[in-house]
Protein backbone atom coordinates (compact mmCIF):
# COMPACT_ATOMS: atom_id res chain seq x y z
CA UNK A 1 2.10 -154.08 91.06
CA UNK A 2 4.63 -151.92 92.88
CA UNK A 3 7.08 -153.02 95.55
CA UNK A 4 8.61 -151.10 98.44
CA UNK A 5 11.54 -151.99 100.68
CA UNK A 6 10.70 -151.00 104.22
CA UNK A 7 14.22 -149.99 105.15
CA UNK A 8 16.57 -147.71 103.25
CA UNK A 9 18.87 -150.31 101.72
CA UNK A 10 19.05 -152.54 98.67
CA UNK A 11 18.96 -156.32 98.91
CA UNK A 12 22.36 -157.84 98.28
CA UNK A 13 20.96 -160.15 95.62
CA UNK A 14 20.20 -157.18 93.41
CA UNK A 15 23.67 -155.72 93.91
CA UNK A 16 25.70 -158.85 93.37
CA UNK A 17 23.98 -160.87 90.68
CA UNK A 18 24.17 -157.97 88.24
CA UNK A 19 27.85 -157.15 88.97
CA UNK A 20 30.55 -157.99 86.43
CA UNK A 21 32.21 -161.34 87.04
CA UNK A 22 35.57 -161.04 88.76
CA UNK A 23 38.38 -163.55 89.14
CA UNK A 24 39.99 -162.17 92.25
CA UNK A 25 38.96 -160.47 95.46
CA UNK A 26 35.64 -160.93 97.19
CA UNK A 27 34.90 -162.78 100.40
CA UNK A 28 36.32 -166.32 100.89
CA UNK A 29 34.24 -169.27 102.07
CA UNK A 30 33.82 -173.05 101.92
CA UNK A 31 31.32 -175.74 101.06
CA UNK A 32 31.20 -179.04 102.93
CA UNK A 33 29.28 -182.30 102.88
CA UNK A 34 28.96 -185.56 104.77
CA UNK A 35 32.15 -186.72 103.02
CA UNK A 36 34.14 -183.81 104.47
CA UNK A 37 33.80 -185.30 107.94
CA UNK A 38 34.31 -183.43 111.19
CA UNK A 39 35.45 -179.84 110.75
CA UNK A 40 37.58 -177.53 112.87
CA UNK A 41 35.57 -174.38 112.21
CA UNK A 42 37.92 -172.24 114.31
CA UNK A 43 40.67 -172.98 111.76
CA UNK A 44 38.35 -171.99 108.93
CA UNK A 45 37.83 -168.62 110.63
CA UNK A 46 41.55 -168.25 111.35
CA UNK A 47 42.22 -168.92 107.67
CA UNK A 48 39.96 -166.04 106.65
CA UNK A 49 36.77 -167.95 105.85
CA UNK A 50 33.57 -165.93 106.25
CA UNK A 51 30.82 -168.27 105.03
CA UNK A 52 30.00 -171.95 104.61
CA UNK A 53 27.50 -173.91 102.55
CA UNK A 54 26.55 -177.26 104.10
CA UNK A 55 25.00 -180.23 102.28
CA UNK A 56 21.63 -180.92 103.93
CA UNK A 57 19.46 -183.09 101.69
CA UNK A 58 19.23 -184.99 98.44
CA UNK A 59 16.20 -186.07 96.44
CA UNK A 60 13.10 -186.40 98.58
CA UNK A 61 14.30 -188.69 101.37
CA UNK A 62 18.06 -188.43 102.06
CA UNK A 63 19.39 -186.27 104.92
CA UNK A 64 23.09 -185.77 105.61
CA UNK A 65 23.95 -187.41 108.95
CA UNK A 66 26.56 -184.71 109.61
CA UNK A 67 24.40 -181.73 108.67
CA UNK A 68 23.39 -180.62 112.16
CA UNK A 69 26.95 -180.77 113.51
CA UNK A 70 28.45 -179.00 110.49
CA UNK A 71 25.72 -176.35 110.19
CA UNK A 72 25.64 -175.63 113.91
CA UNK A 73 29.41 -175.56 114.12
CA UNK A 74 29.65 -172.98 111.35
CA UNK A 75 27.17 -170.72 113.15
CA UNK A 76 28.94 -171.12 116.52
CA UNK A 77 32.16 -170.02 114.83
CA UNK A 78 30.39 -166.85 113.63
CA UNK A 79 30.30 -167.78 109.94
CA UNK A 80 27.48 -166.94 107.60
CA UNK A 81 26.02 -170.31 106.72
CA UNK A 82 23.59 -171.76 104.21
CA UNK A 83 22.24 -175.23 103.45
CA UNK A 84 22.18 -176.85 100.03
CA UNK A 85 19.98 -179.47 98.40
CA UNK A 86 21.34 -181.84 95.75
CA UNK A 87 18.61 -182.13 93.13
CA UNK A 88 17.51 -185.48 91.69
CA UNK A 89 14.90 -184.22 89.20
CA UNK A 90 13.99 -187.69 87.94
CA UNK A 91 12.98 -189.06 91.34
CA UNK A 92 10.19 -186.69 92.48
CA UNK A 93 8.71 -183.27 91.80
CA UNK A 94 10.49 -180.01 92.48
CA UNK A 95 7.86 -179.14 95.06
CA UNK A 96 8.38 -182.41 96.94
CA UNK A 97 12.13 -181.91 97.07
CA UNK A 98 11.78 -178.28 98.17
CA UNK A 99 9.45 -179.39 100.98
CA UNK A 100 11.97 -182.06 102.04
CA UNK A 101 14.79 -179.51 101.99
CA UNK A 102 12.93 -176.89 104.03
CA UNK A 103 11.86 -179.47 106.61
CA UNK A 104 15.40 -180.78 107.07
CA UNK A 105 17.75 -177.82 107.28
CA UNK A 106 16.95 -175.60 104.30
CA UNK A 107 14.54 -173.24 106.04
CA UNK A 108 15.66 -169.61 106.26
CA UNK A 109 15.70 -167.75 109.59
CA UNK A 110 16.28 -164.04 110.19
CA UNK A 111 19.15 -164.52 112.66
CA UNK A 112 21.57 -162.43 110.61
CA UNK A 113 23.76 -165.45 109.79
CA UNK A 114 21.57 -167.64 107.57
CA UNK A 115 21.95 -167.39 103.80
CA UNK A 116 19.15 -168.47 101.43
CA UNK A 117 19.05 -172.18 100.68
CA UNK A 118 20.81 -173.53 97.59
CA UNK A 119 19.44 -175.68 94.78
CA UNK A 120 22.41 -177.75 93.52
CA UNK A 121 21.96 -178.63 89.83
CA UNK A 122 24.69 -180.63 88.12
CA UNK A 123 25.46 -183.75 86.11
CA UNK A 124 23.69 -186.89 87.30
CA UNK A 125 26.34 -188.71 89.40
CA UNK A 126 24.26 -191.90 89.46
CA UNK A 127 24.13 -192.59 85.73
CA UNK A 128 25.31 -196.20 86.05
CA UNK A 129 22.83 -196.86 88.86
CA UNK A 130 19.82 -195.13 87.32
CA UNK A 131 20.54 -195.58 83.62
CA UNK A 132 19.65 -191.92 83.08
CA UNK A 133 21.78 -189.32 81.33
CA UNK A 134 23.47 -186.19 82.73
CA UNK A 135 20.14 -184.35 82.58
CA UNK A 136 18.32 -187.17 84.41
CA UNK A 137 16.51 -187.97 81.13
CA UNK A 138 14.41 -184.79 81.41
CA UNK A 139 13.84 -182.64 78.34
CA UNK A 140 15.00 -179.03 78.54
CA UNK A 141 11.39 -177.88 78.88
CA UNK A 142 10.68 -180.35 81.66
CA UNK A 143 13.89 -179.43 83.49
CA UNK A 144 12.96 -175.73 83.46
CA UNK A 145 9.50 -176.63 84.77
CA UNK A 146 11.06 -178.78 87.52
CA UNK A 147 13.36 -175.95 88.62
CA UNK A 148 10.44 -173.51 88.67
CA UNK A 149 8.45 -175.98 90.78
CA UNK A 150 11.28 -176.18 93.30
CA UNK A 151 12.11 -172.47 93.45
CA UNK A 152 8.47 -171.36 93.60
CA UNK A 153 7.81 -173.73 96.48
CA UNK A 154 10.97 -172.64 98.28
CA UNK A 155 9.99 -168.97 97.92
CA UNK A 156 6.49 -169.67 99.22
CA UNK A 157 7.82 -171.58 102.23
CA UNK A 158 10.64 -169.22 103.21
CA UNK A 159 10.10 -165.82 101.59
CA UNK A 160 13.55 -166.10 99.95
CA UNK A 161 14.73 -166.83 96.43
CA UNK A 162 16.89 -169.94 96.44
CA UNK A 163 20.50 -169.61 95.32
CA UNK A 164 21.15 -171.74 92.22
CA UNK A 165 24.41 -173.71 92.01
CA UNK A 166 25.32 -174.97 88.56
CA UNK A 167 27.87 -175.01 85.77
CA UNK A 168 27.46 -173.10 82.53
CA UNK A 169 27.81 -176.34 80.58
CA UNK A 170 25.09 -178.18 82.51
CA UNK A 171 22.73 -175.21 82.36
CA UNK A 172 23.10 -174.86 78.61
CA UNK A 173 22.72 -178.57 77.96
CA UNK A 174 19.89 -179.37 80.38
CA UNK A 175 17.79 -176.17 80.37
CA UNK A 176 18.56 -174.89 76.88
CA UNK A 177 20.35 -171.97 78.54
CA UNK A 178 17.09 -170.74 80.09
CA UNK A 179 16.96 -167.05 80.97
CA UNK A 180 14.04 -167.46 83.41
CA UNK A 181 15.92 -167.46 86.72
CA UNK A 182 17.83 -164.19 86.82
CA UNK A 183 16.26 -163.12 90.13
CA UNK A 184 18.04 -165.99 91.88
CA UNK A 185 21.64 -165.47 93.08
CA UNK A 186 24.02 -167.63 91.04
CA UNK A 187 26.64 -169.87 92.65
CA UNK A 188 28.81 -170.74 89.68
CA UNK A 189 30.91 -173.90 89.66
CA UNK A 190 33.97 -173.63 87.44
CA UNK A 191 37.32 -174.89 88.62
CA UNK A 192 40.18 -172.70 87.47
CA UNK A 193 41.46 -169.14 87.63
CA UNK A 194 38.51 -167.47 85.87
CA UNK A 195 34.72 -167.79 86.27
CA UNK A 196 34.41 -167.80 82.47
CA UNK A 197 31.12 -167.44 80.61
CA UNK A 198 27.91 -167.43 82.60
CA UNK A 199 24.56 -169.11 81.94
CA UNK A 200 22.07 -166.93 80.08
CA UNK A 201 19.92 -166.16 83.13
CA UNK A 202 22.72 -164.15 84.75
CA UNK A 203 24.99 -161.20 83.97
CA UNK A 204 27.05 -161.75 87.11
CA UNK A 205 27.65 -164.37 89.77
CA UNK A 206 27.07 -164.08 93.52
CA UNK A 207 29.35 -166.99 94.51
CA UNK A 208 32.08 -168.82 92.61
CA UNK A 209 33.39 -172.29 93.42
CA UNK A 210 36.85 -172.30 91.84
CA UNK A 211 38.10 -175.62 93.23
CA UNK A 212 36.70 -178.80 94.74
CA UNK A 213 39.47 -178.78 97.37
CA UNK A 214 40.09 -175.33 98.75
CA UNK A 215 42.83 -174.00 101.00
CA UNK A 216 40.60 -174.14 104.10
CA UNK A 217 38.32 -177.19 104.06
CA UNK A 218 35.95 -178.69 101.49
CA UNK A 219 35.48 -176.70 98.29
CA UNK A 220 37.07 -173.31 97.70
CA UNK A 221 34.61 -170.46 97.15
CA UNK A 222 34.42 -166.69 96.99
CA UNK A 223 31.50 -164.29 97.35
CA UNK A 224 31.54 -161.71 94.56
CA UNK A 225 31.06 -158.65 96.73
CA UNK A 226 31.84 -157.13 100.10
CA UNK A 227 31.27 -158.59 103.54
CA UNK A 228 28.55 -155.96 104.08
CA UNK A 229 26.75 -157.22 100.96
CA UNK A 230 27.09 -160.81 102.16
CA UNK A 231 25.52 -159.75 105.46
CA UNK A 232 22.67 -158.08 103.56
CA UNK A 233 22.07 -161.29 101.59
CA UNK A 234 21.69 -163.12 104.89
CA UNK A 235 19.34 -160.49 106.29
CA UNK A 236 17.55 -158.52 103.53
CA UNK A 237 15.03 -155.74 104.12
CA UNK A 238 11.34 -156.36 104.54
CA UNK A 239 9.29 -155.95 101.36
CA UNK A 240 5.66 -155.39 100.50
CA UNK A 241 3.92 -155.13 97.14
CA UNK A 242 1.04 -152.79 96.40
CA UNK A 243 -1.56 -153.27 93.67
CA UNK A 244 -5.06 -152.06 93.03
CA UNK A 245 -8.04 -151.92 90.72
CA UNK A 246 -10.92 -149.62 89.89
CA UNK A 247 -14.38 -151.13 89.55
CA UNK A 248 -16.32 -148.51 87.66
CA UNK A 249 -16.08 -144.95 88.95
CA UNK A 250 -17.03 -145.51 92.57
CA UNK A 251 -15.33 -148.61 93.99
CA UNK A 252 -11.56 -149.09 94.35
CA UNK A 253 -9.57 -151.95 95.85
CA UNK A 254 -6.03 -151.73 97.19
CA UNK A 255 -4.08 -154.90 97.95
CA UNK A 256 -0.99 -154.83 100.17
CA UNK A 257 0.98 -158.10 100.23
CA UNK A 258 4.02 -159.09 102.26
CA UNK A 259 6.33 -160.43 99.54
CA UNK A 260 9.52 -160.41 101.62
CA UNK A 261 10.98 -162.72 104.26
CA UNK A 262 10.04 -160.76 107.39
CA UNK A 263 6.71 -160.00 109.08
CA UNK A 264 5.92 -156.28 108.85
CA UNK A 265 4.01 -154.02 111.23
CA UNK A 266 2.32 -150.65 111.16
CA UNK A 267 1.98 -150.39 107.38
CA UNK A 268 0.39 -147.04 106.50
CA UNK A 269 -1.72 -146.70 103.35
CA UNK A 270 -2.56 -143.10 102.45
CA UNK A 271 -5.00 -142.18 99.71
CA UNK A 272 -6.14 -138.93 98.12
CA UNK A 273 -9.21 -138.92 95.88
CA UNK A 274 -9.54 -136.75 92.79
CA UNK A 275 -12.76 -135.93 90.96
CA UNK A 276 -14.81 -136.81 94.03
CA UNK A 277 -14.67 -137.53 97.76
CA UNK A 278 -14.34 -140.60 99.97
CA UNK A 279 -17.67 -141.80 101.36
CA UNK A 280 -16.75 -145.28 102.63
CA UNK A 281 -13.54 -147.08 103.65
CA UNK A 282 -14.13 -149.92 106.15
CA UNK A 283 -11.47 -150.06 108.86
CA UNK A 284 -9.87 -146.79 107.75
CA UNK A 285 -10.15 -143.11 108.70
CA UNK A 286 -11.42 -140.77 106.00
CA UNK A 287 -12.55 -137.21 105.55
CA UNK A 288 -13.26 -135.32 102.34
CA UNK A 289 -10.78 -136.55 99.75
CA UNK A 290 -8.31 -138.09 102.22
CA UNK A 291 -8.19 -141.63 103.56
CA UNK A 292 -5.65 -143.41 105.81
CA UNK A 293 -5.55 -147.11 106.57
CA UNK A 294 -3.12 -148.73 109.00
CA UNK A 295 -2.33 -152.45 108.83
CA UNK A 296 -1.11 -153.38 112.34
CA UNK A 297 0.67 -156.56 111.29
CA UNK A 298 1.19 -158.44 108.04
CA UNK A 299 2.76 -161.89 108.26
CA UNK A 300 5.10 -163.21 105.57
CA UNK A 301 3.18 -164.37 102.53
CA UNK A 302 -0.07 -162.72 103.66
CA UNK A 303 -2.01 -159.89 102.07
CA UNK A 304 -4.75 -157.43 103.00
CA UNK A 305 -7.31 -156.01 100.60
CA UNK A 306 -8.78 -152.59 101.34
CA UNK A 307 -11.84 -151.07 99.68
CA UNK A 308 -12.58 -147.39 99.19
CA UNK A 309 -15.84 -145.98 97.81
CA UNK A 310 -15.88 -142.57 96.19
CA UNK A 311 -18.71 -140.22 95.31
CA UNK A 312 -17.79 -138.63 91.95
CA UNK A 313 -18.60 -134.98 91.46
CA UNK A 314 -20.11 -135.74 88.06
CA UNK A 315 -20.84 -138.62 85.73
CA UNK A 316 -17.92 -137.68 83.46
CA UNK A 317 -14.39 -136.40 83.86
CA UNK A 318 -11.39 -137.86 85.65
CA UNK A 319 -12.04 -139.62 88.95
CA UNK A 320 -9.93 -141.95 91.04
CA UNK A 321 -7.53 -142.19 93.93
CA UNK A 322 -3.79 -141.75 94.39
CA UNK A 323 -2.33 -144.20 96.89
CA UNK A 324 0.96 -143.94 98.79
CA UNK A 325 2.58 -146.77 100.78
CA UNK A 326 6.09 -145.90 101.91
CA UNK A 327 7.97 -144.85 98.79
CA UNK A 328 5.44 -146.44 96.41
CA UNK A 329 2.86 -144.28 94.65
CA UNK A 330 -0.05 -145.86 92.76
CA UNK A 331 -2.83 -144.11 90.82
CA UNK A 332 -6.17 -145.84 90.24
CA UNK A 333 -8.48 -144.22 87.68
CA UNK A 334 -12.18 -144.91 87.40
CA UNK A 335 -13.70 -145.81 84.07
């Protein structure tokens, strides 16, 4: 499978999560919750704040009563904003909690201000109430499965990879230092002057929470990059994937899937046969060895499968089709 970005830029997640950790610089921001109370967002902006993460949900039924006011206020002040979900892995499945989050503030919109939603993973704060340990009594294997359930559901519902908030200590203890989530931007929690060591999944952090009480309001945070990269994280390029298969020497299938967060239009699929000519391509234009298919619109999460039939020149020798979609080139060879 090959992927193509439909605009000439790189997604900020790829730039930032692989950058070396840095203790200073970056873009300042805040995180707030119901306990923060009412917020003067104009003062946050005046103080240099550029983004805010707002507590939206917890478990599979709790919704912050201040979420709408805090989230809306951050946007009205011109801040990049994102919602976060406090995970309670013992209480319900990852999928259920992702659904609850998306339905109550965690959905992503392409307004240029909304950051991907955050999965907040940390020590169980309700140990006395629940009788469960810091890892919610889940084994490391079960915790990794729970996180995958949440993040896969979130990706399917929004087209974005959730940001993961955690500490290195919790991640090592509760997931066995899993390396399975490197595609997700990391929001590292470590109070102090240095980010310190990172969990195994990541070689760099996207966000760093260095204090629970920052100089602006709520927690003190910094984005490990430039403001332009933060903007790109809020509004990444469209993305499609291209895959295909040869069924014998005559029949070829090409699948174009929208794997990004935006709907895409006017997707051109160009093919050039070798070792034969095109004799059938439903919905496409073809002549000789050339074929062109145009997909007028492809909604997020949807895919289109195209079929092309060739007439080989002989029963032996190389035969197939070379496919181009944007910058992606794919060669399918008949057997």
